[in-house]
Amino acid sequence: MRVLITGGAGFIGSHLVDAHLAAGDEVVVLDDLSTGRLENISEHVLAGRVRFHLSKAEDPTALTAAMAGVDLVYHLAAAVGVFEILKHPLQSIRTNLDASSAVFERAAELGVRTIFTSTSEVYGKNGHGALKETDDTIYGSTQVSRWLYAVLEGYR
């Protein structure tokens, strides 16, 4: 199987790279290194086990090249970090929406399964145990940094 991991040089993405390589899969990474680090996957790239594309996920040329022949996409690329999101909320929303839209649209055109991730903060306040997908989401005041971050990441 060939997988594409957008944001694959980040913390979670690089561990997905390791797991898929260990399973014998081909791995393609698309990352602009805005928060990820090439050092996280450099041994795999240098050894030729990972095909790396240095680009934003919303770049149509890079995305098309990275998606060529893939069977599965993990979309992890996003503006991340509470302080970064709070410092640049509008740009963060644009980045996350544009990247997600580009990845989902291209994957749909190609018929490629896509796995999408986000922050646990999008689930909001919870005082009754395990959540179900059908549960309501309750956020606190957006004047509290945690909840503003949750709302902004929910747009991803």
C-alpha atoms as a PDB file:
ATOM      1  CA  MET A   1       0.000   0.000   0.000  1.00  0.00           C
ATOM      2  CA  ARG A   2       1.174   3.536  -0.736  1.00  0.00           C
ATOM      3  CA  VAL A   3       0.170   6.227   1.782  1.00  0.00           C
ATOM      4  CA  LEU A   4       0.419   9.996   1.709  1.00  0.00           C
ATOM      5  CA  ILE A   5       0.845  11.795   5.022  1.00  0.00           C
ATOM      6  CA  THR A   6       0.319  15.548   4.822  1.00  0.00           C
ATOM      7  CA  GLY A   7       2.151  17.087   7.759  1.00  0.00           C
ATOM      8  CA  GLY A   8       4.270  13.937   7.900  1.00  0.00           C
ATOM      9  CA  ALA A   9       7.316  15.703   9.350  1.00  0.00           C
ATOM     10  CA  GLY A  10       5.398  16.695  12.472  1.00  0.00           C
ATOM     11  CA  PHE A  11       5.264  14.801  15.740  1.00  0.00           C
ATOM     12  CA  ILE A  12       2.268  12.586  14.992  1.00  0.00           C
ATOM     13  CA  GLY A  13       2.949  12.425  11.261  1.00  0.00           C
ATOM     14  CA  SER A  14       6.515  11.220  11.714  1.00  0.00           C
ATOM     15  CA  HIS A  15       5.303   8.401  13.963  1.00  0.00           C
ATOM     16  CA  LEU A  16       2.782   7.417  11.288  1.00  0.00           C
ATOM     17  CA  VAL A  17       5.658   7.362   8.806  1.00  0.00           C
ATOM     18  CA  ASP A  18       7.558   4.980  11.094  1.00  0.00           C
ATOM     19  CA  ALA A  19       4.515   2.726  11.562  1.00  0.00           C
ATOM     20  CA  HIS A  20       3.749   2.465   7.860  1.00  0.00           C
ATOM     21  CA  LEU A  21       7.354   1.788   6.951  1.00  0.00           C
ATOM     22  CA  ALA A  22       7.488  -0.932   9.611  1.00  0.00           C
ATOM     23  CA  ALA A  23       4.374  -2.459   8.011  1.00  0.00           C
ATOM     24  CA  GLY A  24       6.125  -2.500   4.636  1.00  0.00           C
ATOM     25  CA  ASP A  25       4.116   0.295   3.046  1.00  0.00           C
ATOM     26  CA  GLU A  26       5.378   2.932   0.627  1.00  0.00           C
ATOM     27  CA  VAL A  27       5.248   6.384   2.221  1.00  0.00           C
ATOM     28  CA  VAL A  28       4.941   9.831   0.673  1.00  0.00           C
ATOM     29  CA  VAL A  29       5.146  12.943   2.855  1.00  0.00           C
ATOM     30  CA  LEU A  30       3.926  16.433   1.945  1.00  0.00           C
ATOM     31  CA  ASP A  31       4.974  19.056   4.493  1.00  0.00           C
ATOM     32  CA  ASP A  32       5.937  22.739   4.348  1.00  0.00           C
ATOM     33  CA  LEU A  33       8.004  22.392   7.549  1.00  0.00           C
ATOM     34  CA  SER A  34       6.245  25.358   9.132  1.00  0.00           C
ATOM     35  CA  THR A  35       5.868  23.365  12.365  1.00  0.00           C
ATOM     36  CA  GLY A  36       7.229  19.936  11.446  1.00  0.00           C
ATOM     37  CA  ARG A  37      10.935  19.179  11.260  1.00  0.00           C
ATOM     38  CA  LEU A  38      12.718  17.346   8.483  1.00  0.00           C
ATOM     39  CA  GLU A  39      14.932  15.781  11.169  1.00  0.00           C
ATOM     40  CA  ASN A  40      11.891  13.735  12.256  1.00  0.00           C
ATOM     41  CA  ILE A  41      11.964  11.763   8.996  1.00  0.00           C
ATOM     42  CA  SER A  42      15.383  12.580   7.492  1.00  0.00           C
ATOM     43  CA  GLU A  43      16.845   9.098   7.978  1.00  0.00           C
ATOM     44  CA  HIS A  44      13.961   7.653   5.937  1.00  0.00           C
ATOM     45  CA  VAL A  45      14.214  10.334   3.249  1.00  0.00           C
ATOM     46  CA  LEU A  46      18.001   9.931   2.925  1.00  0.00           C
ATOM     47  CA  ALA A  47      17.632   6.137   2.738  1.00  0.00           C
ATOM     48  CA  GLY A  48      15.049   6.502  -0.044  1.00  0.00           C
ATOM     49  CA  ARG A  49      12.255   4.933   2.017  1.00  0.00           C
ATOM     50  CA  VAL A  50      10.137   8.094   1.986  1.00  0.00           C
ATOM     51  CA  ARG A  51       9.359  10.338  -0.955  1.00  0.00           C
ATOM     52  CA  PHE A  52       9.289  13.893   0.450  1.00  0.00           C
ATOM     53  CA  HIS A  53       7.540  16.929  -1.073  1.00  0.00           C
ATOM     54  CA  LEU A  54       8.372  20.294   0.494  1.00  0.00           C
ATOM     55  CA  SER A  55       5.174  22.249  -0.038  1.00  0.00           C
ATOM     56  CA  LYS A  56       1.923  23.472   1.426  1.00  0.00           C
ATOM     57  CA  ALA A  57      -0.939  20.992   1.113  1.00  0.00           C
ATOM     58  CA  GLU A  58      -3.024  23.539  -0.782  1.00  0.00           C
ATOM     59  CA  ASP A  59      -0.479  23.807  -3.627  1.00  0.00           C
ATOM     60  CA  PRO A  60      -2.271  21.988  -6.482  1.00  0.00           C
ATOM     61  CA  THR A  61       0.875  20.966  -8.364  1.00  0.00           C
ATOM     62  CA  ALA A  62       2.630  19.545  -5.314  1.00  0.00           C
ATOM     63  CA  LEU A  63      -0.554  17.882  -4.050  1.00  0.00           C
ATOM     64  CA  THR A  64      -1.194  16.196  -7.395  1.00  0.00           C
ATOM     65  CA  ALA A  65       2.383  14.903  -7.510  1.00  0.00           C
ATOM     66  CA  ALA A  66       2.259  13.679  -3.913  1.00  0.00           C
ATOM     67  CA  MET A  67      -1.077  11.907  -4.415  1.00  0.00           C
ATOM     68  CA  ALA A  68      -0.017  10.020  -7.529  1.00  0.00           C
ATOM     69  CA  GLY A  69      -0.714   6.340  -6.998  1.00  0.00           C
ATOM     70  CA  VAL A  70      -1.597   6.539  -3.292  1.00  0.00           C
ATOM     71  CA  ASP A  71      -4.157   4.245  -1.705  1.00  0.00           C
ATOM     72  CA  LEU A  72      -4.701   6.200   1.503  1.00  0.00           C
ATOM     73  CA  VAL A  73      -4.217   9.792   2.678  1.00  0.00           C
ATOM     74  CA  TYR A  74      -3.722  10.921   6.255  1.00  0.00           C
ATOM     75  CA  HIS A  75      -4.432  14.652   6.379  1.00  0.00           C
ATOM     76  CA  LEU A  76      -2.483  16.093   9.311  1.00  0.00           C
ATOM     77  CA  ALA A  77      -1.203  19.327   7.739  1.00  0.00           C
ATOM     78  CA  ALA A  78      -2.551  22.371   9.577  1.00  0.00           C
ATOM     79  CA  ALA A  79      -1.729  25.574  11.370  1.00  0.00           C
ATOM     80  CA  VAL A  80      -1.187  24.263  14.883  1.00  0.00           C
ATOM     81  CA  GLY A  81      -0.400  25.391  18.397  1.00  0.00           C
ATOM     82  CA  VAL A  82      -2.581  27.358  20.748  1.00  0.00           C
ATOM     83  CA  PHE A  83      -0.337  30.429  20.747  1.00  0.00           C
ATOM     84  CA  GLU A  84       0.075  30.477  16.961  1.00  0.00           C
ATOM     85  CA  ILE A  85      -3.677  30.079  16.410  1.00  0.00           C
ATOM     86  CA  LEU A  86      -4.466  32.836  18.901  1.00  0.00           C
ATOM     87  CA  LYS A  87      -1.818  35.146  17.457  1.00  0.00           C
ATOM     88  CA  HIS A  88      -3.041  34.716  13.853  1.00  0.00           C
ATOM     89  CA  PRO A  89      -6.644  33.449  14.023  1.00  0.00           C
ATOM     90  CA  LEU A  90      -7.831  34.522  10.563  1.00  0.00           C
ATOM     91  CA  GLN A  91      -4.715  33.255   8.789  1.00  0.00           C
ATOM     92  CA  SER A  92      -4.966  29.995  10.733  1.00  0.00           C
ATOM     93  CA  ILE A  93      -8.564  29.467   9.632  1.00  0.00           C
ATOM     94  CA  ARG A  94      -7.652  30.222   6.013  1.00  0.00           C
ATOM     95  CA  THR A  95      -4.658  27.893   6.093  1.00  0.00           C
ATOM     96  CA  ASN A  96      -6.617  25.031   7.612  1.00  0.00           C
ATOM     97  CA  LEU A  97      -9.647  25.443   5.358  1.00  0.00           C
ATOM     98  CA  ASP A  98      -7.616  25.831   2.169  1.00  0.00           C
ATOM     99  CA  ALA A  99      -5.389  22.832   2.915  1.00  0.00           C
ATOM    100  CA  SER A 100      -8.271  20.594   3.969  1.00  0.00           C
ATOM    101  CA  SER A 101     -10.412  21.599   1.007  1.00  0.00           C
ATOM    102  CA  ALA A 102      -7.585  20.935  -1.457  1.00  0.00           C
ATOM    103  CA  VAL A 103      -6.730  17.546   0.045  1.00  0.00           C
ATOM    104  CA  PHE A 104     -10.346  16.357   0.298  1.00  0.00           C
ATOM    105  CA  GLU A 105     -11.275  17.538  -3.198  1.00  0.00           C
ATOM    106  CA  ARG A 106      -8.245  15.918  -4.839  1.00  0.00           C
ATOM    107  CA  ALA A 107      -8.718  12.680  -2.888  1.00  0.00           C
ATOM    108  CA  ALA A 108     -12.403  12.589  -3.873  1.00  0.00           C
ATOM    109  CA  GLU A 109     -11.498  13.110  -7.542  1.00  0.00           C
ATOM    110  CA  LEU A 110      -9.076  10.180  -7.343  1.00  0.00           C
ATOM    111  CA  GLY A 111     -11.315   8.008  -5.158  1.00  0.00           C
ATOM    112  CA  VAL A 112      -8.670   7.824  -2.417  1.00  0.00           C
ATOM    113  CA  ARG A 113      -9.701   7.087   1.177  1.00  0.00           C
ATOM    114  CA  THR A 114      -8.758   9.912   3.529  1.00  0.00           C
ATOM    115  CA  ILE A 115      -8.277   9.962   7.295  1.00  0.00           C
ATOM    116  CA  PHE A 116      -8.640  13.350   8.930  1.00  0.00           C
ATOM    117  CA  THR A 117      -7.441  14.379  12.371  1.00  0.00           C
ATOM    118  CA  SER A 118      -7.939  17.340  14.656  1.00  0.00           C
ATOM    119  CA  THR A 119      -7.399  18.413  18.237  1.00  0.00           C
ATOM    120  CA  SER A 120      -9.316  16.876  21.134  1.00  0.00           C
ATOM    121  CA  GLU A 121     -10.303  20.427  22.064  1.00  0.00           C
ATOM    122  CA  VAL A 122     -13.025  20.342  19.389  1.00  0.00           C
ATOM    123  CA  TYR A 123     -15.045  18.061  21.691  1.00  0.00           C
ATOM    124  CA  GLY A 124     -15.477  20.909  24.138  1.00  0.00           C
ATOM    125  CA  LYS A 125     -16.528  20.594  27.766  1.00  0.00           C
ATOM    126  CA  ASN A 126     -17.497  17.163  28.951  1.00  0.00           C
ATOM    127  CA  GLY A 127     -18.584  16.212  32.433  1.00  0.00           C
ATOM    128  CA  HIS A 128     -20.242  12.875  31.778  1.00  0.00           C
ATOM    129  CA  GLY A 129     -17.545  10.438  30.643  1.00  0.00           C
ATOM    130  CA  ALA A 130     -16.895   8.964  27.205  1.00  0.00           C
ATOM    131  CA  LEU A 131     -18.211  10.966  24.269  1.00  0.00           C
ATOM    132  CA  LYS A 132     -20.284   9.677  21.373  1.00  0.00           C
ATOM    133  CA  GLU A 133     -20.371  11.224  17.906  1.00  0.00           C
ATOM    134  CA  THR A 134     -24.017  12.144  18.547  1.00  0.00           C
ATOM    135  CA  ASP A 135     -23.267  14.155  21.722  1.00  0.00           C
ATOM    136  CA  ASP A 136     -23.662  17.917  21.720  1.00  0.00           C
ATOM    137  CA  THR A 137     -20.523  20.020  21.877  1.00  0.00           C
ATOM    138  CA  ILE A 138     -20.352  22.721  24.529  1.00  0.00           C
ATOM    139  CA  TYR A 139     -17.594  25.325  24.510  1.00  0.00           C
ATOM    140  CA  GLY A 140     -16.791  27.911  27.140  1.00  0.00           C
ATOM    141  CA  SER A 141     -16.310  31.604  26.483  1.00  0.00           C
ATOM    142  CA  THR A 142     -14.022  32.446  23.558  1.00  0.00           C
ATOM    143  CA  GLN A 143     -12.359  34.941  25.899  1.00  0.00           C
ATOM    144  CA  VAL A 144     -10.712  31.869  27.431  1.00  0.00           C
ATOM    145  CA  SER A 145      -7.817  30.863  25.166  1.00  0.00           C
ATOM    146  CA  ARG A 146      -8.619  27.144  25.318  1.00  0.00           C
ATOM    147  CA  TRP A 147     -12.114  27.607  23.889  1.00  0.00           C
ATOM    148  CA  LEU A 148     -11.118  30.107  21.216  1.00  0.00           C
ATOM    149  CA  TYR A 149      -8.505  27.578  20.074  1.00  0.00           C
ATOM    150  CA  ALA A 150     -11.140  24.816  20.062  1.00  0.00           C
ATOM    151  CA  VAL A 151     -13.530  26.871  17.965  1.00  0.00           C
ATOM    152  CA  LEU A 152     -10.837  27.863  15.462  1.00  0.00           C
ATOM    153  CA  GLU A 153      -9.551  24.285  15.144  1.00  0.00           C
ATOM    154  CA  GLY A 154     -13.124  23.131  14.652  1.00  0.00           C
ATOM    155  CA  TYR A 155     -13.046  24.942  11.304  1.00  0.00           C
ATOM    156  CA  ARG A 156     -10.322  22.593  10.153  1.00  0.00           C
END
